[in-house]
Amino acid sequence: MKNTVEVVGIEVYAFHGCMEEEARLGGKFIVDVEISTDFMKAAETDQLIDTIDYVRIREIVVEEMAVRSKLIEHVGYRILKRFRQEFKTMNKAWIKVRKLNPPVNGTVKEVAVVLEG
């Protein structure tokens, strides 16, 4: 059976980007996560151990966002790898990493990458 655990709007201040100013000043990022799994055992037992803990999802995102990268694609990939390592019942993950107010030549609210795997 396919079920989904979602954590939406994880806000993190981080230092990702190719420009030196981004490494020095940082910026705001928002990460959304959707993990496909079968949590029917948890639905029956009412035990956290039988599902994917959304607190742990957030912790992994925060830990990986704290490691500087030039590209948000790289950060998203690291998050996906950690999910695969730690969540053995995960079938698939969908991760969206959004960078707010990116330094581009013009007004852009956000840029984002989406990884699925």
Protein backbone atom coordinates (compact mmCIF):
# COMPACT_ATOMS: atom_id res chain seq x y z
CA MET A 1 0.00 0.00 0.00
CA LYS A 2 1.22 3.51 -0.76
CA ASN A 3 1.04 6.15 1.94
CA THR A 4 2.76 9.51 2.16
CA VAL A 5 4.44 11.43 4.97
CA GLU A 6 4.84 15.15 4.15
CA VAL A 7 6.78 17.90 5.87
CA VAL A 8 6.12 21.25 4.19
CA GLY A 9 7.85 24.58 4.68
CA ILE A 10 11.03 23.69 6.56
CA GLU A 11 12.67 27.12 6.90
CA VAL A 12 16.45 27.27 7.12
CA TYR A 13 19.00 30.06 6.96
CA ALA A 14 22.01 28.72 5.03
CA PHE A 15 25.03 29.74 2.98
CA HIS A 16 24.55 28.04 -0.40
CA GLY A 17 25.43 29.68 -3.69
CA CYS A 18 28.19 30.26 -6.20
CA MET A 19 28.77 33.89 -5.26
CA GLU A 20 31.15 34.90 -2.45
CA GLU A 21 28.43 37.13 -0.92
CA GLU A 22 26.15 34.11 -0.54
CA ALA A 23 28.88 32.22 1.31
CA ARG A 24 29.43 35.19 3.62
CA LEU A 25 25.91 36.56 4.12
CA GLY A 26 23.70 33.53 3.56
CA GLY A 27 20.02 33.54 2.80
CA LYS A 28 16.66 31.96 3.50
CA PHE A 29 15.69 28.58 2.08
CA ILE A 30 12.51 26.54 2.31
CA VAL A 31 12.45 22.76 1.88
CA ASP A 32 9.37 20.62 1.24
CA VAL A 33 9.50 16.84 1.60
CA GLU A 34 7.16 14.05 0.59
CA ILE A 35 8.08 10.44 1.37
CA SER A 36 6.19 7.48 0.00
CA THR A 37 6.05 4.49 2.35
CA ASP A 38 3.63 1.97 3.79
CA PHE A 39 2.61 3.13 7.24
CA MET A 40 -0.43 0.92 7.72
CA LYS A 41 1.33 -0.94 10.55
CA ALA A 42 1.67 2.39 12.39
CA ALA A 43 -1.96 3.13 11.68
CA GLU A 44 -2.85 -0.14 13.40
CA THR A 45 -0.31 -0.10 16.26
CA ASP A 46 -0.21 3.65 16.99
CA GLN A 47 3.58 3.33 17.40
CA LEU A 48 6.07 5.86 16.00
CA ILE A 49 8.60 3.11 15.30
CA ASP A 50 6.25 1.72 12.62
CA THR A 51 6.36 4.83 10.42
CA ILE A 52 8.77 7.50 9.20
CA ASP A 53 9.22 10.12 11.91
CA TYR A 54 8.62 13.62 10.52
CA VAL A 55 10.76 15.08 13.31
CA ARG A 56 13.69 13.07 11.93
CA ILE A 57 12.87 14.26 8.40
CA ARG A 58 13.24 17.87 9.56
CA GLU A 59 16.45 17.11 11.48
CA ILE A 60 18.07 15.55 8.39
CA VAL A 61 17.09 18.54 6.25
CA VAL A 62 18.51 21.01 8.79
CA GLU A 63 21.74 19.00 9.15
CA GLU A 64 22.34 18.82 5.39
CA MET A 65 21.37 22.45 4.81
CA ALA A 66 24.07 23.41 7.34
CA VAL A 67 26.77 21.98 5.05
CA ARG A 68 27.67 24.65 2.49
CA SER A 69 27.23 23.88 -1.20
CA LYS A 70 27.48 26.01 -4.29
CA LEU A 71 24.38 24.42 -5.82
CA ILE A 72 21.00 23.67 -4.25
CA GLU A 73 20.93 20.62 -6.53
CA HIS A 74 23.83 19.24 -4.49
CA VAL A 75 22.10 19.94 -1.18
CA GLY A 76 18.91 18.24 -2.37
CA TYR A 77 20.91 15.22 -3.51
CA ARG A 78 22.57 14.90 -0.10
CA ILE A 79 19.18 15.07 1.63
CA LEU A 80 17.84 12.34 -0.66
CA LYS A 81 20.88 10.14 0.08
CA ARG A 82 20.38 10.55 3.83
CA PHE A 83 16.71 9.63 3.53
CA ARG A 84 17.67 6.46 1.63
CA GLN A 85 20.22 5.56 4.32
CA GLU A 86 17.99 6.18 7.32
CA PHE A 87 14.46 5.32 6.20
CA LYS A 88 14.51 1.66 5.19
CA THR A 89 10.75 1.57 4.57
CA MET A 90 10.88 4.54 2.17
CA ASN A 91 9.71 3.70 -1.35
CA LYS A 92 10.40 7.09 -2.90
CA ALA A 93 11.09 10.67 -1.82
CA TRP A 94 10.20 14.01 -3.40
CA ILE A 95 12.25 16.99 -2.22
CA LYS A 96 11.88 20.64 -3.22
CA VAL A 97 14.63 23.06 -2.18
CA ARG A 98 13.68 26.72 -2.63
CA LYS A 99 16.09 29.62 -2.44
CA LEU A 100 14.30 32.87 -1.59
CA ASN A 101 15.33 36.16 -3.17
CA PRO A 102 18.23 34.77 -5.20
CA PRO A 103 20.90 37.21 -6.36
CA VAL A 104 20.00 37.48 -10.03
CA ASN A 105 19.89 40.52 -12.27
CA GLY A 106 16.25 41.31 -11.60
CA THR A 107 13.44 40.64 -9.18
CA VAL A 108 12.87 36.94 -8.58
CA LYS A 109 10.91 35.70 -5.57
CA GLU A 110 12.54 32.27 -5.51
CA VAL A 111 14.30 29.58 -7.48
CA ALA A 112 13.84 25.88 -6.78
CA VAL A 113 15.01 22.41 -7.64
CA VAL A 114 12.96 19.25 -7.25
CA LEU A 115 14.49 15.82 -6.75
CA GLU A 116 12.57 12.58 -6.86
CA GLY A 117 13.94 9.16 -6.26
